[in-house]
Amino acid sequence: MLNAIGKLEESQRMALQQMEPKLRDVYKTDGSWVDINEQLRSIWNGYAEHVRRQGLEPDPSKFATQFVDENFPG
């Protein structure tokens, strides 16, 4: 998400590159993290819609943190 809006720092970009093997496994794809970004955008859109239905504004940083914590423990 942060990459899509131009807010991804270089250190974060490098971390994502290192996570590519796990991302490929989770999403059952051969794509790079940039390719997988489209799948993540779909998940974000669902999250944002859910949060807005609760009368709240979605927080990109909170979403990213929760997503990583849930899908890449440890």
N, C-alpha and C. Protein backbone atom coordinates (compact mmCIF):
# COMPACT_ATOMS: atom_id res chain seq x y z
N MET A 1 0.81 -1.18 0.00
CA MET A 1 0.00 0.00 0.00
C MET A 1 0.86 1.26 0.00
N LEU A 2 1.84 1.28 0.89
CA LEU A 2 2.69 2.46 0.98
C LEU A 2 3.43 2.69 -0.33
N ASN A 3 3.82 1.62 -1.00
CA ASN A 3 4.48 1.75 -2.30
C ASN A 3 3.52 2.36 -3.32
N ALA A 4 2.28 1.92 -3.30
CA ALA A 4 1.30 2.41 -4.27
C ALA A 4 1.03 3.90 -4.13
N ILE A 5 1.17 4.42 -2.92
CA ILE A 5 0.93 5.85 -2.71
C ILE A 5 2.23 6.65 -2.59
N GLY A 6 3.36 6.00 -2.93
CA GLY A 6 4.63 6.71 -2.96
C GLY A 6 5.23 7.01 -1.60
N LYS A 7 4.85 6.25 -0.58
CA LYS A 7 5.32 6.52 0.78
C LYS A 7 6.19 5.39 1.34
N LEU A 8 6.64 4.48 0.50
CA LEU A 8 7.46 3.36 0.95
C LEU A 8 8.92 3.78 1.02
N GLU A 9 9.51 3.63 2.19
CA GLU A 9 10.92 3.97 2.37
C GLU A 9 11.80 2.87 1.78
N GLU A 10 13.03 3.22 1.44
CA GLU A 10 13.95 2.25 0.84
C GLU A 10 14.17 1.05 1.75
N SER A 11 14.29 1.27 3.05
CA SER A 11 14.49 0.14 3.98
C SER A 11 13.29 -0.80 3.97
N GLN A 12 12.10 -0.24 3.81
CA GLN A 12 10.89 -1.06 3.73
C GLN A 12 10.86 -1.84 2.42
N ARG A 13 11.29 -1.20 1.35
CA ARG A 13 11.34 -1.86 0.05
C ARG A 13 12.28 -3.06 0.09
N MET A 14 13.43 -2.88 0.74
CA MET A 14 14.40 -3.97 0.85
C MET A 14 13.84 -5.12 1.69
N ALA A 15 13.11 -4.79 2.75
CA ALA A 15 12.50 -5.81 3.59
C ALA A 15 11.48 -6.61 2.78
N LEU A 16 10.71 -5.94 1.96
CA LEU A 16 9.73 -6.64 1.12
C LEU A 16 10.41 -7.56 0.12
N GLN A 17 11.51 -7.13 -0.43
CA GLN A 17 12.25 -8.00 -1.34
C GLN A 17 12.72 -9.26 -0.63
N GLN A 18 13.13 -9.11 0.62
CA GLN A 18 13.57 -10.27 1.39
C GLN A 18 12.39 -11.19 1.74
N MET A 19 11.19 -10.64 1.79
CA MET A 19 10.00 -11.42 2.13
C MET A 19 9.39 -12.11 0.92
N GLU A 20 9.91 -11.87 -0.27
CA GLU A 20 9.30 -12.42 -1.48
C GLU A 20 9.07 -13.92 -1.42
N PRO A 21 10.01 -14.74 -0.93
CA PRO A 21 9.73 -16.18 -0.88
C PRO A 21 8.48 -16.51 -0.06
N LYS A 22 8.31 -15.86 1.09
CA LYS A 22 7.14 -16.10 1.92
C LYS A 22 5.88 -15.59 1.23
N LEU A 23 5.96 -14.43 0.61
CA LEU A 23 4.82 -13.89 -0.12
C LEU A 23 4.39 -14.84 -1.24
N ARG A 24 5.35 -15.38 -1.96
CA ARG A 24 5.03 -16.34 -3.03
C ARG A 24 4.31 -17.55 -2.47
N ASP A 25 4.77 -18.01 -1.31
CA ASP A 25 4.15 -19.17 -0.67
C ASP A 25 2.72 -18.85 -0.22
N VAL A 26 2.55 -17.72 0.45
CA VAL A 26 1.23 -17.33 0.96
C VAL A 26 0.24 -17.15 -0.18
N TYR A 27 0.67 -16.48 -1.25
CA TYR A 27 -0.25 -16.16 -2.35
C TYR A 27 -0.19 -17.15 -3.50
N LYS A 28 0.62 -18.20 -3.33
CA LYS A 28 0.72 -19.25 -4.34
C LYS A 28 0.97 -18.66 -5.74
N THR A 29 2.01 -17.84 -5.82
CA THR A 29 2.34 -17.17 -7.07
C THR A 29 3.85 -17.12 -7.24
N ASP A 30 4.27 -16.86 -8.45
CA ASP A 30 5.70 -16.71 -8.74
C ASP A 30 6.10 -15.25 -8.85
N GLY A 31 5.17 -14.35 -8.63
CA GLY A 31 5.43 -12.93 -8.82
C GLY A 31 6.31 -12.32 -7.75
N SER A 32 6.80 -11.13 -8.06
CA SER A 32 7.57 -10.36 -7.09
C SER A 32 6.61 -9.68 -6.13
N TRP A 33 7.14 -9.04 -5.11
CA TRP A 33 6.27 -8.34 -4.18
C TRP A 33 5.48 -7.24 -4.87
N VAL A 34 6.06 -6.66 -5.93
CA VAL A 34 5.35 -5.64 -6.68
C VAL A 34 4.14 -6.25 -7.39
N ASP A 35 4.32 -7.44 -7.96
CA ASP A 35 3.21 -8.13 -8.61
C ASP A 35 2.12 -8.49 -7.60
N ILE A 36 2.54 -8.93 -6.45
CA ILE A 36 1.60 -9.34 -5.40
C ILE A 36 0.85 -8.14 -4.84
N ASN A 37 1.40 -6.96 -5.05
CA ASN A 37 0.78 -5.74 -4.56
C ASN A 37 -0.68 -5.61 -5.00
N GLU A 38 -0.99 -6.06 -6.20
CA GLU A 38 -2.37 -5.98 -6.69
C GLU A 38 -3.30 -6.84 -5.84
N GLN A 39 -2.82 -7.99 -5.40
CA GLN A 39 -3.62 -8.84 -4.52
C GLN A 39 -3.81 -8.14 -3.18
N LEU A 40 -2.77 -7.51 -2.70
CA LEU A 40 -2.86 -6.79 -1.43
C LEU A 40 -3.83 -5.61 -1.53
N ARG A 41 -3.85 -4.96 -2.68
CA ARG A 41 -4.76 -3.84 -2.89
C ARG A 41 -6.20 -4.31 -2.74
N SER A 42 -6.51 -5.48 -3.24
CA SER A 42 -7.85 -6.03 -3.11
C SER A 42 -8.20 -6.28 -1.65
N ILE A 43 -7.24 -6.82 -0.89
CA ILE A 43 -7.45 -7.05 0.55
C ILE A 43 -7.65 -5.71 1.26
N TRP A 44 -6.83 -4.72 0.92
CA TRP A 44 -6.95 -3.38 1.50
C TRP A 44 -8.34 -2.80 1.23
N ASN A 45 -8.79 -2.92 -0.01
CA ASN A 45 -10.10 -2.37 -0.35
C ASN A 45 -11.21 -2.99 0.48
N GLY A 46 -11.13 -4.31 0.71
CA GLY A 46 -12.12 -4.97 1.56
C GLY A 46 -12.04 -4.49 3.00
N TYR A 47 -10.83 -4.34 3.50
CA TYR A 47 -10.62 -3.83 4.86
C TYR A 47 -11.17 -2.41 4.98
N ALA A 48 -10.84 -1.56 4.02
CA ALA A 48 -11.26 -0.16 4.07
C ALA A 48 -12.78 -0.06 4.05
N GLU A 49 -13.41 -0.87 3.22
CA GLU A 49 -14.87 -0.86 3.16
C GLU A 49 -15.47 -1.30 4.50
N HIS A 50 -14.91 -2.34 5.08
CA HIS A 50 -15.38 -2.84 6.38
C HIS A 50 -15.26 -1.76 7.46
N VAL A 51 -14.12 -1.11 7.51
CA VAL A 51 -13.87 -0.07 8.51
C VAL A 51 -14.82 1.12 8.31
N ARG A 52 -15.02 1.50 7.07
CA ARG A 52 -15.91 2.64 6.79
C ARG A 52 -17.36 2.34 7.18
N ARG A 53 -17.77 1.08 7.03
CA ARG A 53 -19.12 0.70 7.46
C ARG A 53 -19.29 0.87 8.96
N GLN A 54 -18.19 0.83 9.69
CA GLN A 54 -18.22 1.04 11.14
C GLN A 54 -18.13 2.52 11.50
N GLY A 55 -18.12 3.37 10.48
CA GLY A 55 -18.05 4.81 10.71
C GLY A 55 -16.66 5.33 11.00
N LEU A 56 -15.65 4.55 10.66
CA LEU A 56 -14.26 4.94 10.91
C LEU A 56 -13.54 5.17 9.60
N GLU A 57 -12.39 5.78 9.69
CA GLU A 57 -11.54 5.99 8.52
C GLU A 57 -10.41 4.97 8.55
N PRO A 58 -10.18 4.24 7.46
CA PRO A 58 -9.11 3.23 7.45
C PRO A 58 -7.73 3.88 7.60
N ASP A 59 -6.86 3.20 8.34
CA ASP A 59 -5.50 3.68 8.59
C ASP A 59 -4.52 2.77 7.84
N PRO A 60 -3.86 3.26 6.79
CA PRO A 60 -2.94 2.43 6.00
C PRO A 60 -1.82 1.79 6.83
N SER A 61 -1.26 2.55 7.76
CA SER A 61 -0.16 2.00 8.57
C SER A 61 -0.66 0.90 9.49
N LYS A 62 -1.81 1.10 10.09
CA LYS A 62 -2.38 0.08 10.97
C LYS A 62 -2.70 -1.19 10.17
N PHE A 63 -3.28 -1.01 8.99
CA PHE A 63 -3.58 -2.16 8.14
C PHE A 63 -2.31 -2.93 7.80
N ALA A 64 -1.28 -2.21 7.37
CA ALA A 64 -0.03 -2.86 6.97
C ALA A 64 0.58 -3.62 8.15
N THR A 65 0.58 -3.01 9.32
CA THR A 65 1.15 -3.66 10.50
C THR A 65 0.36 -4.92 10.86
N GLN A 66 -0.95 -4.81 10.88
CA GLN A 66 -1.79 -5.96 11.22
C GLN A 66 -1.63 -7.08 10.20
N PHE A 67 -1.58 -6.71 8.93
CA PHE A 67 -1.45 -7.71 7.88
C PHE A 67 -0.15 -8.50 8.03
N VAL A 68 0.94 -7.78 8.24
CA VAL A 68 2.24 -8.44 8.40
C VAL A 68 2.25 -9.30 9.67
N ASP A 69 1.73 -8.76 10.78
CA ASP A 69 1.71 -9.51 12.03
C ASP A 69 0.92 -10.81 11.90
N GLU A 70 -0.19 -10.76 11.18
CA GLU A 70 -1.05 -11.94 11.03
C GLU A 70 -0.49 -12.96 10.04
N ASN A 71 0.20 -12.49 9.03
CA ASN A 71 0.63 -13.39 7.97
C ASN A 71 2.12 -13.75 8.01
N PHE A 72 2.88 -13.01 8.80
CA PHE A 72 4.32 -13.26 8.87
C PHE A 72 4.79 -13.19 10.31
N PRO A 73 4.27 -14.08 11.18
CA PRO A 73 4.66 -14.01 12.59
C PRO A 73 6.16 -14.30 12.78
N GLY A 74 6.69 -13.69 13.84
CA GLY A 74 8.07 -13.95 14.22
C GLY A 74 9.01 -13.27 13.33
